[in-house]
Protein backbone atom coordinates (compact mmCIF):
# COMPACT_ATOMS: atom_id res chain seq x y z
CA MET A 1 55.32 -166.69 -52.75
CA SER A 2 54.66 -168.13 -49.34
CA THR A 3 54.56 -171.81 -48.64
CA LEU A 4 50.91 -171.41 -47.76
CA LEU A 5 50.19 -170.00 -51.14
CA ASP A 6 52.44 -172.60 -52.79
CA ALA A 7 50.04 -175.22 -51.25
CA LEU A 8 47.23 -173.92 -53.46
CA VAL A 9 48.86 -174.32 -56.89
CA GLY A 10 46.01 -175.12 -59.30
CA VAL A 11 43.19 -173.53 -57.14
CA PRO A 12 41.33 -170.85 -59.04
CA ASN A 13 42.16 -167.26 -57.97
CA ALA A 14 44.54 -168.45 -55.20
CA ALA A 15 45.91 -165.37 -53.38
CA GLU A 16 47.38 -164.20 -50.13
CA PRO A 17 45.64 -160.86 -49.36
CA VAL A 18 47.28 -160.58 -45.97
CA PRO A 19 50.00 -162.71 -44.42
CA GLY A 20 48.74 -165.99 -43.11
CA LEU A 21 45.41 -165.80 -45.01
CA VAL A 22 45.08 -167.51 -48.35
CA THR A 23 42.02 -167.37 -50.42
CA GLY A 24 40.66 -168.97 -53.55
CA GLY A 25 38.11 -171.08 -55.28
CA GLN A 26 37.47 -174.78 -54.98
CA MET A 27 40.42 -176.85 -53.77
CA MET A 28 40.93 -180.52 -54.52
CA ARG A 29 41.65 -183.30 -52.05
CA GLN A 30 45.46 -183.13 -52.63
CA HIS A 31 45.45 -179.46 -51.52
CA LEU A 32 44.36 -180.48 -48.02
CA ALA A 33 47.60 -182.32 -47.39
CA ALA A 34 49.66 -179.56 -48.92
CA LEU A 35 47.82 -176.97 -46.74
CA LYS A 36 48.42 -178.99 -43.61
CA GLN A 37 52.13 -179.37 -44.48
CA ALA A 38 52.37 -175.57 -45.01
CA GLY A 39 51.05 -174.99 -41.49
CA CYS A 40 47.40 -174.20 -42.32
CA GLU A 41 45.10 -174.92 -39.41
CA LEU A 42 41.69 -173.64 -40.43
CA ILE A 43 39.59 -173.91 -43.63
CA VAL A 44 36.75 -171.39 -43.84
CA ASP A 45 34.17 -172.37 -46.53
CA CYS A 46 31.56 -169.72 -47.57
CA ARG A 47 29.55 -172.02 -49.80
CA ASP A 48 26.13 -173.30 -48.89
CA PRO A 49 26.43 -176.83 -47.49
CA MET A 50 24.18 -178.11 -50.33
CA GLU A 51 26.46 -176.91 -53.15
CA PRO A 52 28.24 -179.69 -55.05
CA ARG A 53 31.96 -180.07 -54.31
CA PRO A 54 34.73 -182.51 -55.14
CA VAL A 55 35.96 -182.48 -51.55
CA ARG A 56 33.69 -183.70 -48.79
CA GLU A 57 33.68 -180.78 -46.40
CA PRO A 58 33.89 -181.00 -43.49
CA GLU A 59 34.74 -184.69 -43.48
CA ASP A 60 37.84 -184.60 -45.63
CA VAL A 61 39.11 -181.44 -44.01
CA VAL A 62 38.81 -182.82 -40.51
CA ALA A 63 40.43 -186.17 -41.71
CA ALA A 64 43.36 -184.17 -42.97
CA GLY A 65 43.87 -182.80 -39.43
CA LEU A 66 42.48 -179.24 -40.12
CA GLN A 67 39.60 -177.42 -38.52
CA TYR A 68 36.62 -176.44 -40.59
CA GLU A 69 34.22 -173.62 -40.42
CA CYS A 70 31.40 -172.72 -42.72
CA VAL A 71 29.83 -169.28 -43.04
CA PRO A 72 27.35 -169.63 -46.03
CA VAL A 73 27.25 -166.72 -48.41
CA GLY A 74 24.79 -166.66 -51.26
CA HIS A 75 25.39 -165.44 -54.74
CA THR A 76 23.30 -162.32 -54.16
CA ARG A 77 23.17 -159.65 -51.38
CA GLY A 78 22.55 -161.29 -48.02
CA GLN A 79 22.20 -160.23 -44.44
CA ASP A 80 24.77 -157.91 -42.81
CA ALA A 81 25.03 -160.48 -40.02
CA THR A 82 26.74 -162.71 -42.59
CA LEU A 83 29.40 -160.20 -43.30
CA GLN A 84 29.81 -159.65 -39.55
CA ARG A 85 30.29 -163.35 -39.09
CA VAL A 86 32.96 -163.54 -41.78
CA ARG A 87 34.79 -160.64 -40.12
CA ASP A 88 34.53 -162.29 -36.73
CA VAL A 89 35.99 -165.62 -37.98
CA LEU A 90 38.82 -163.85 -39.79
CA ARG A 91 39.55 -161.37 -36.97
CA ASP A 92 39.61 -164.28 -34.41
CA ASN A 93 42.05 -166.32 -36.50
CA VAL A 94 44.17 -164.49 -39.01
CA GLY A 95 47.51 -163.68 -37.35
CA LYS A 96 47.07 -166.34 -34.79
CA ARG A 97 47.01 -169.26 -37.17
CA LYS A 98 47.08 -169.78 -40.96
CA VAL A 99 43.79 -169.85 -42.66
CA PHE A 100 42.40 -170.80 -46.14
CA TYR A 101 39.13 -169.03 -46.98
CA HIS A 102 37.31 -170.23 -50.08
CA CYS A 103 34.20 -170.56 -52.12
CA ALA A 104 33.77 -172.22 -55.54
CA SER A 105 35.48 -169.49 -57.53
CA GLY A 106 36.74 -166.76 -55.31
CA ASN A 107 33.83 -164.39 -56.12
CA ARG A 108 32.10 -164.57 -52.74
CA VAL A 109 35.34 -164.68 -50.86
CA GLY A 110 36.59 -161.52 -52.53
CA ALA A 111 33.40 -159.62 -51.87
CA THR A 112 33.12 -160.68 -48.21
CA LEU A 113 36.76 -159.86 -47.58
CA ILE A 114 36.15 -156.15 -48.32
CA PRO A 115 34.70 -155.33 -44.82
CA TYR A 116 37.49 -157.28 -43.11
CA LEU A 117 40.24 -155.54 -45.21
CA MET A 118 38.85 -152.09 -44.67
CA LEU A 119 37.59 -152.22 -41.07
CA ASP A 120 40.05 -154.57 -39.56
CA GLN A 121 43.18 -154.37 -41.74
CA GLY A 122 43.06 -150.63 -42.50
CA PHE A 123 42.86 -150.94 -46.27
CA GLU A 124 41.51 -147.90 -48.25
CA GLU A 125 38.39 -148.66 -50.40
CA GLU A 126 40.28 -148.67 -53.61
CA ASP A 127 42.91 -151.12 -52.37
CA ALA A 128 40.27 -153.37 -50.81
CA VAL A 129 38.27 -153.52 -53.94
CA ALA A 130 41.42 -154.19 -56.03
CA THR A 131 42.44 -156.97 -53.68
CA ALA A 132 38.91 -158.44 -53.80
CA MET A 133 39.06 -158.38 -57.66
CA ARG A 134 42.48 -160.09 -57.58
CA VAL A 135 40.99 -162.74 -55.18
CA GLY A 136 38.16 -163.47 -57.69
CA MET A 137 35.29 -161.06 -56.94
CA ARG A 138 33.18 -160.51 -60.09
CA SER A 139 29.83 -159.58 -58.63
CA ALA A 140 28.97 -155.92 -58.56
CA GLU A 141 26.03 -156.67 -56.29
CA LEU A 142 28.10 -158.45 -53.68
CA MET A 143 30.69 -155.70 -53.88
CA GLN A 144 28.01 -153.01 -53.27
CA TRP A 145 26.61 -154.93 -50.36
CA ALA A 146 30.10 -155.15 -48.75
CA LEU A 147 30.80 -151.47 -49.29
CA GLU A 148 27.41 -150.47 -47.92
CA TYR A 149 28.13 -152.58 -44.83
CA VAL A 150 31.49 -150.86 -44.39
CA LYS A 151 29.79 -147.40 -44.55
CA LYS A 152 27.14 -148.43 -42.00
CA GLU A 153 29.84 -149.75 -39.67
CA THR A 154 32.05 -146.67 -40.12
CA ASP A 155 29.04 -144.35 -39.45
CA SER A 156 28.16 -146.37 -36.38
CA ARG A 157 31.69 -146.07 -35.08
CA LYS A 158 31.62 -142.34 -35.67
CA ARG A 159 28.39 -141.93 -33.75
CA SER A 160 29.63 -144.06 -30.87
CA ALA A 161 32.87 -141.92 -30.70
CA THR A 162 30.84 -138.69 -30.41
CA SER A 163 28.27 -139.92 -27.84
């Protein structure tokens, strides 16, 4: 287990799907200090800002010396631009600095990781879905949205390559 993942002991569905990226459900205030000590620099939250939470985000995150980014993802299928935004944030940060990406349970995190894992990390669909399940994904609707997005992006890449 990495020190980054060790910092998330007690967080539901805590996982490290790729080195330097830890994921999970809702953290508590004590996890912020542990994440900072483990070298984490960025917290990415995919909950709606109006959702209840025990940690005041972004206030507590920033006070702990971490950066905060919110990319709201609903509990049902959303806009493809949301999946693109999650990919952009992860692609711009993972591998350059340590990141904790979370929602309340890991469900939305798992689903929205699928495009990043497949399109940017080279995972096959079966491995990406298994990883998303391990991270906490439980919504077939969100999984289907993510897989349809990957198909559209893959088809678009193929069309661009042949033009």
